[in-house]
């Protein structure tokens, strides 16, 4: 197969930077242009005015790629967008009106375009408009998809302990979260409940809590799953052990996230009084966000 040409909007955001780190190591993907809200006059360096979080070699790798205004026509037929939600819909409507094929991580699009999660929801190779899910949604959706398919879920209660980088660049200032847990994240629990209900077509009851914890990267999630039958923890383990992109790991040490982490890492499964209790972890900057986007790019028709 030939190379896939794309343009990237929001490459200067934290997720955008992690996406560039993936594509820099992938010779099958060529980036023809960047698009940034920070670019006003066409004379713009990717690292200008941007808190660059990754190795400078990644930015240097793309030094010759032109940086255009966020609403400028892309130089490739496919636009990948990590634009901030506050401007994403306005800018992306302009691109869609031109006929640009768009894959976006913006929240507004998740109920307006087909939602794609490889291994859970199919990717239409010729689609003109695709959305990717919230990171916590992706981490939960993969195991829930396979468990519901085989055992019929009746109800799920989810609690997330989310890293501060989940707020994206510039993120939450460390001094605000130091020695502190934010017990309720406005809108986050609702987003998780709404997206999972959308994915599973309201097939089972969902309740969610979302908290922010003093960790830079990676989310920890607990799920209490009630089944229509008497499915127990051993059965759940066997089912998920057959699922790709899920790993089991007893992990008490510090997380060491990388591009090679799976979507979902399960650290504990046990039987509760009337539910199976699962503890899982996921990388909010790689597998559950930019990893999904990277995989989708490979699935798209040129």
Protein backbone atom coordinates (compact mmCIF):
# COMPACT_ATOMS: atom_id res chain seq x y z
CA UNK A 1 0.00 0.00 0.00
CA UNK A 2 1.09 3.57 -0.64
CA UNK A 3 1.57 6.33 1.86
CA UNK A 4 -1.44 7.99 3.51
CA UNK A 5 -1.42 11.79 3.26
CA UNK A 6 -3.12 13.76 6.03
CA UNK A 7 -3.25 17.26 7.51
CA UNK A 8 -3.42 17.84 11.26
CA UNK A 9 -5.30 20.58 13.10
CA UNK A 10 -4.37 21.25 16.71
CA UNK A 11 -0.94 19.65 16.44
CA UNK A 12 0.30 22.05 19.12
CA UNK A 13 -2.13 20.65 21.74
CA UNK A 14 -0.97 17.94 24.11
CA UNK A 15 -2.87 15.22 22.25
CA UNK A 16 -1.67 16.65 18.94
CA UNK A 17 1.92 16.38 20.11
CA UNK A 18 1.46 12.75 21.11
CA UNK A 19 -0.12 12.02 17.74
CA UNK A 20 2.93 13.52 16.01
CA UNK A 21 5.17 11.29 18.10
CA UNK A 22 3.32 8.26 16.72
CA UNK A 23 3.30 9.39 13.10
CA UNK A 24 6.97 10.42 13.16
CA UNK A 25 7.82 6.75 13.55
CA UNK A 26 5.35 5.64 10.86
CA UNK A 27 6.63 5.91 7.29
CA UNK A 28 3.20 5.01 5.92
CA UNK A 29 1.73 8.35 7.06
CA UNK A 30 2.77 11.70 5.58
CA UNK A 31 1.64 15.01 7.08
CA UNK A 32 1.23 17.69 4.40
CA UNK A 33 0.12 20.61 6.57
CA UNK A 34 -0.55 21.69 10.13
CA UNK A 35 -3.44 23.96 11.12
CA UNK A 36 -3.37 26.04 14.29
CA UNK A 37 -5.49 28.75 15.89
CA UNK A 38 -2.18 30.34 16.94
CA UNK A 39 -1.13 30.85 13.33
CA UNK A 40 -2.24 34.28 12.12
CA UNK A 41 0.15 35.29 9.35
CA UNK A 42 1.66 32.09 7.94
CA UNK A 43 5.03 32.67 9.61
CA UNK A 44 4.73 30.20 12.44
CA UNK A 45 6.96 27.55 13.99
CA UNK A 46 5.26 24.55 15.57
CA UNK A 47 7.04 25.15 18.88
CA UNK A 48 6.32 28.89 18.98
CA UNK A 49 3.93 29.93 21.76
CA UNK A 50 3.45 26.25 22.61
CA UNK A 51 4.49 24.51 25.84
CA UNK A 52 6.20 21.63 24.04
CA UNK A 53 5.86 18.52 26.23
CA UNK A 54 7.71 15.94 24.14
CA UNK A 55 11.20 15.59 22.69
CA UNK A 56 12.20 18.55 20.52
CA UNK A 57 13.32 16.04 17.89
CA UNK A 58 9.66 15.37 17.12
CA UNK A 59 9.00 19.02 16.31
CA UNK A 60 12.25 19.17 14.36
CA UNK A 61 11.16 16.13 12.35
CA UNK A 62 8.22 18.19 11.06
CA UNK A 63 10.03 21.52 10.76
CA UNK A 64 9.43 21.75 7.00
CA UNK A 65 5.70 21.05 7.17
CA UNK A 66 3.79 24.32 6.57
CA UNK A 67 1.71 25.65 9.46
CA UNK A 68 -1.51 27.27 8.26
CA UNK A 69 -4.43 29.00 9.88
CA UNK A 70 -6.93 26.69 11.56
CA UNK A 71 -9.55 27.44 8.90
CA UNK A 72 -7.22 27.35 5.86
CA UNK A 73 -7.83 24.61 3.27
CA UNK A 74 -5.72 21.56 4.16
CA UNK A 75 -3.05 20.37 1.76
CA UNK A 76 -4.13 16.75 2.18
CA UNK A 77 -7.54 15.15 1.51
CA UNK A 78 -7.97 14.01 5.13
CA UNK A 79 -7.88 16.35 8.14
CA UNK A 80 -7.17 14.95 11.60
CA UNK A 81 -8.35 17.35 14.31
CA UNK A 82 -7.31 17.78 17.92
CA UNK A 83 -8.60 21.34 18.04
CA UNK A 84 -9.86 22.55 21.44
CA UNK A 85 -13.59 22.11 21.95
CA UNK A 86 -14.11 25.87 22.33
CA UNK A 87 -13.26 26.46 18.64
CA UNK A 88 -13.46 22.99 17.12
CA UNK A 89 -17.04 22.99 15.89
CA UNK A 90 -16.81 26.44 14.29
CA UNK A 91 -13.57 25.65 12.44
CA UNK A 92 -14.50 22.11 11.47
CA UNK A 93 -17.80 23.22 9.92
CA UNK A 94 -15.76 25.31 7.50
CA UNK A 95 -13.65 22.31 6.51
CA UNK A 96 -16.67 20.02 6.14
CA UNK A 97 -18.42 22.59 3.94
CA UNK A 98 -15.44 22.40 1.56
CA UNK A 99 -15.78 18.63 1.33
CA UNK A 100 -12.71 17.87 3.42
CA UNK A 101 -12.77 14.43 5.01
CA UNK A 102 -12.55 14.95 8.77
CA UNK A 103 -11.68 12.76 11.74
CA UNK A 104 -12.08 14.73 14.95
CA UNK A 105 -11.61 14.28 18.67
CA UNK A 106 -13.92 17.22 19.47
CA UNK A 107 -16.80 16.40 21.81
CA UNK A 108 -19.58 18.06 19.77
CA UNK A 109 -19.05 15.63 16.87
CA UNK A 110 -19.67 12.45 18.86
CA UNK A 111 -23.42 12.75 18.37
CA UNK A 112 -23.28 14.20 14.84
CA UNK A 113 -20.85 11.82 13.13
CA UNK A 114 -20.28 8.07 13.30
CA UNK A 115 -18.28 7.30 16.43
CA UNK A 116 -15.32 5.02 15.69
CA UNK A 117 -13.53 2.75 18.17
CA UNK A 118 -11.51 -0.04 16.53
CA UNK A 119 -12.57 -3.33 18.11
CA UNK A 120 -15.88 -1.86 19.32
CA UNK A 121 -17.45 0.31 16.61
CA UNK A 122 -16.57 -0.15 12.93
CA UNK A 123 -14.64 2.33 10.83
CA UNK A 124 -16.08 3.09 7.38
CA UNK A 125 -12.98 3.50 5.15
CA UNK A 126 -14.63 6.02 2.81
CA UNK A 127 -16.40 8.06 5.52
CA UNK A 128 -16.26 11.83 5.21
CA UNK A 129 -16.83 12.63 8.88
CA UNK A 130 -15.77 10.49 11.86
CA UNK A 131 -15.55 11.22 15.59
CA UNK A 132 -13.40 9.58 18.25
CA UNK A 133 -14.59 9.11 21.85
CA UNK A 134 -13.55 10.56 25.18
CA UNK A 135 -10.55 8.64 26.53
CA UNK A 136 -12.41 7.20 29.53
CA UNK A 137 -15.23 6.12 27.22
CA UNK A 138 -12.78 4.16 25.07
CA UNK A 139 -11.13 2.47 28.06
CA UNK A 140 -14.52 1.31 29.37
CA UNK A 141 -16.19 0.55 26.04
CA UNK A 142 -13.77 -2.19 24.98
CA UNK A 143 -14.35 -4.58 27.91
CA UNK A 144 -18.05 -3.67 28.16
CA UNK A 145 -18.55 -4.43 24.46
CA UNK A 146 -17.25 -7.98 24.76
CA UNK A 147 -18.93 -8.66 28.09
CA UNK A 148 -22.31 -7.44 26.89
CA UNK A 149 -22.01 -9.40 23.65
CA UNK A 150 -21.41 -12.67 25.51
CA UNK A 151 -23.17 -12.25 28.84
CA UNK A 152 -25.75 -9.42 28.59
CA UNK A 153 -25.03 -6.63 31.03
CA UNK A 154 -27.92 -5.40 33.19
CA UNK A 155 -26.29 -2.38 34.87
CA UNK A 156 -22.88 -0.73 35.34
CA UNK A 157 -21.59 1.76 37.89
CA UNK A 158 -18.31 3.44 36.94
CA UNK A 159 -15.94 5.64 38.95
CA UNK A 160 -13.00 7.31 37.22
CA UNK A 161 -9.83 8.65 38.81
CA UNK A 162 -8.55 10.88 36.03
CA UNK A 163 -5.10 12.38 35.56
CA UNK A 164 -4.71 16.14 35.23
CA UNK A 165 -3.49 15.83 31.64
CA UNK A 166 -7.05 14.78 30.82
CA UNK A 167 -7.86 18.49 30.78
CA UNK A 168 -5.45 18.82 27.81
CA UNK A 169 -2.85 21.50 27.20
CA UNK A 170 -2.12 23.55 29.23
CA UNK A 171 -3.94 21.20 31.57
CA UNK A 172 -4.64 21.84 35.22
CA UNK A 173 -1.92 23.72 37.11
CA UNK A 174 -0.13 21.30 39.44
CA UNK A 175 -0.53 23.58 42.47
CA UNK A 176 -4.33 23.30 42.25
CA UNK A 177 -4.35 19.50 42.41
CA UNK A 178 -1.40 19.04 44.79
CA UNK A 179 -2.41 16.85 47.76
CA UNK A 180 -6.02 17.14 46.65
CA UNK A 181 -8.68 15.03 44.96
CA UNK A 182 -11.46 16.79 43.07
CA UNK A 183 -14.48 14.66 43.85
CA UNK A 184 -16.78 15.78 41.05
CA UNK A 185 -15.74 16.93 37.59
CA UNK A 186 -18.47 19.04 36.07
CA UNK A 187 -19.62 17.43 32.84
CA UNK A 188 -17.14 14.52 32.83
CA UNK A 189 -19.41 11.92 34.42
CA UNK A 190 -22.28 13.02 32.18
CA UNK A 191 -20.04 12.73 29.12
CA UNK A 192 -19.02 9.19 30.05
CA UNK A 193 -22.61 8.13 30.73
CA UNK A 194 -23.96 9.75 27.56
CA UNK A 195 -21.26 8.39 25.25
CA UNK A 196 -21.50 4.83 26.60
CA UNK A 197 -25.30 4.96 26.42
CA UNK A 198 -24.97 6.13 22.82
CA UNK A 199 -22.50 3.35 21.94
CA UNK A 200 -24.63 0.61 23.51
CA UNK A 201 -27.97 2.09 22.45
CA UNK A 202 -29.17 2.34 26.07
CA UNK A 203 -29.04 -1.44 26.40
CA UNK A 204 -28.26 -1.33 30.13
CA UNK A 205 -28.40 1.11 33.04
CA UNK A 206 -25.34 3.31 33.59
CA UNK A 207 -24.21 5.43 36.53
CA UNK A 208 -20.90 7.30 36.53
CA UNK A 209 -18.70 9.29 38.90
CA UNK A 210 -15.70 11.27 37.64
CA UNK A 211 -12.89 12.54 39.87
CA UNK A 212 -9.55 14.26 39.25
CA UNK A 213 -6.51 12.97 41.13
CA UNK A 214 -2.94 14.34 41.52
CA UNK A 215 -1.43 12.20 38.74
CA UNK A 216 -0.06 13.61 35.49
CA UNK A 217 -0.85 10.76 33.12
CA UNK A 218 -3.15 7.75 33.07
CA UNK A 219 -6.67 7.08 34.35
CA UNK A 220 -7.71 4.43 36.87
CA UNK A 221 -11.31 3.25 36.59
CA UNK A 222 -13.50 0.97 38.70
CA UNK A 223 -16.58 -0.75 37.31
CA UNK A 224 -19.29 -2.70 39.13
CA UNK A 225 -21.06 -4.78 36.48
CA UNK A 226 -24.34 -6.62 37.06
CA UNK A 227 -25.31 -9.26 34.51
CA UNK A 228 -28.66 -10.63 33.46
CA UNK A 229 -27.47 -14.13 34.37
CA UNK A 230 -25.10 -15.38 37.10
CA UNK A 231 -21.87 -14.48 35.33
CA UNK A 232 -19.03 -14.44 37.86
CA UNK A 233 -15.51 -12.98 38.00
CA UNK A 234 -13.86 -16.14 36.64
CA UNK A 235 -16.13 -16.10 33.59
CA UNK A 236 -15.49 -12.40 33.04
CA UNK A 237 -11.73 -12.99 33.21
CA UNK A 238 -11.93 -15.79 30.64
CA UNK A 239 -13.98 -13.65 28.28
CA UNK A 240 -11.68 -10.63 28.49
CA UNK A 241 -8.54 -12.77 28.24
CA UNK A 242 -9.61 -13.62 24.68
CA UNK A 243 -9.98 -9.95 23.75
CA UNK A 244 -7.23 -8.14 21.87
CA UNK A 245 -5.98 -4.81 23.24
CA UNK A 246 -6.76 -5.86 26.84
CA UNK A 247 -4.05 -7.02 29.22
CA UNK A 248 -4.11 -8.35 32.77
CA UNK A 249 -1.47 -7.07 35.14
CA UNK A 250 -1.05 -6.96 38.91
CA UNK A 251 0.29 -3.47 39.14
CA UNK A 252 1.23 -1.77 42.36
CA UNK A 253 4.34 -0.06 40.99
CA UNK A 254 4.40 3.35 39.33
CA UNK A 255 2.82 3.35 35.88
CA UNK A 256 5.25 3.54 32.98
CA UNK A 257 3.06 4.44 30.03
CA UNK A 258 4.31 4.19 26.45
CA UNK A 259 3.03 3.80 22.88
CA UNK A 260 2.89 0.06 23.48
CA UNK A 261 0.34 0.07 26.28
CA UNK A 262 -2.97 -1.61 25.38
CA UNK A 263 -6.27 0.22 25.41
CA UNK A 264 -7.26 -1.33 28.74
CA UNK A 265 -5.09 -2.89 31.45
CA UNK A 266 -7.07 -4.81 34.07
CA UNK A 267 -5.43 -4.95 37.48
CA UNK A 268 -8.15 -6.67 39.50
CA UNK A 269 -11.36 -8.66 39.00
CA UNK A 270 -13.39 -10.04 41.88
CA UNK A 271 -16.92 -10.98 42.80
CA UNK A 272 -19.01 -8.47 44.73
CA UNK A 273 -22.33 -9.05 46.47
CA UNK A 274 -24.41 -8.65 43.33
CA UNK A 275 -21.89 -7.54 40.70
CA UNK A 276 -18.48 -8.31 39.24
CA UNK A 277 -15.97 -5.66 40.32
CA UNK A 278 -13.21 -4.61 37.91
CA UNK A 279 -10.28 -2.23 38.33
CA UNK A 280 -8.61 -1.06 35.13
CA UNK A 281 -6.10 1.48 33.91
CA UNK A 282 -5.56 3.23 30.60
CA UNK A 283 -3.30 5.79 28.96
CA UNK A 284 -5.32 8.92 28.25
CA UNK A 285 -2.60 10.42 26.03
CA UNK A 286 -1.80 7.41 23.85
CA UNK A 287 -3.81 4.20 23.39
CA UNK A 288 -7.23 5.63 24.30
CA UNK A 289 -6.90 8.81 22.20
CA UNK A 290 -4.02 9.26 19.77
CA UNK A 291 -3.68 5.49 19.41
CA UNK A 292 -7.29 5.26 18.25
CA UNK A 293 -6.77 8.14 15.83
CA UNK A 294 -3.58 6.57 14.45
CA UNK A 295 -5.34 3.25 13.87
CA UNK A 296 -8.27 4.95 12.15
CA UNK A 297 -5.93 6.77 9.74
CA UNK A 298 -4.58 3.41 8.59
CA UNK A 299 -8.13 2.13 8.03
CA UNK A 300 -9.25 5.05 5.86
CA UNK A 301 -9.27 4.86 2.09
CA UNK A 302 -6.80 7.34 0.50
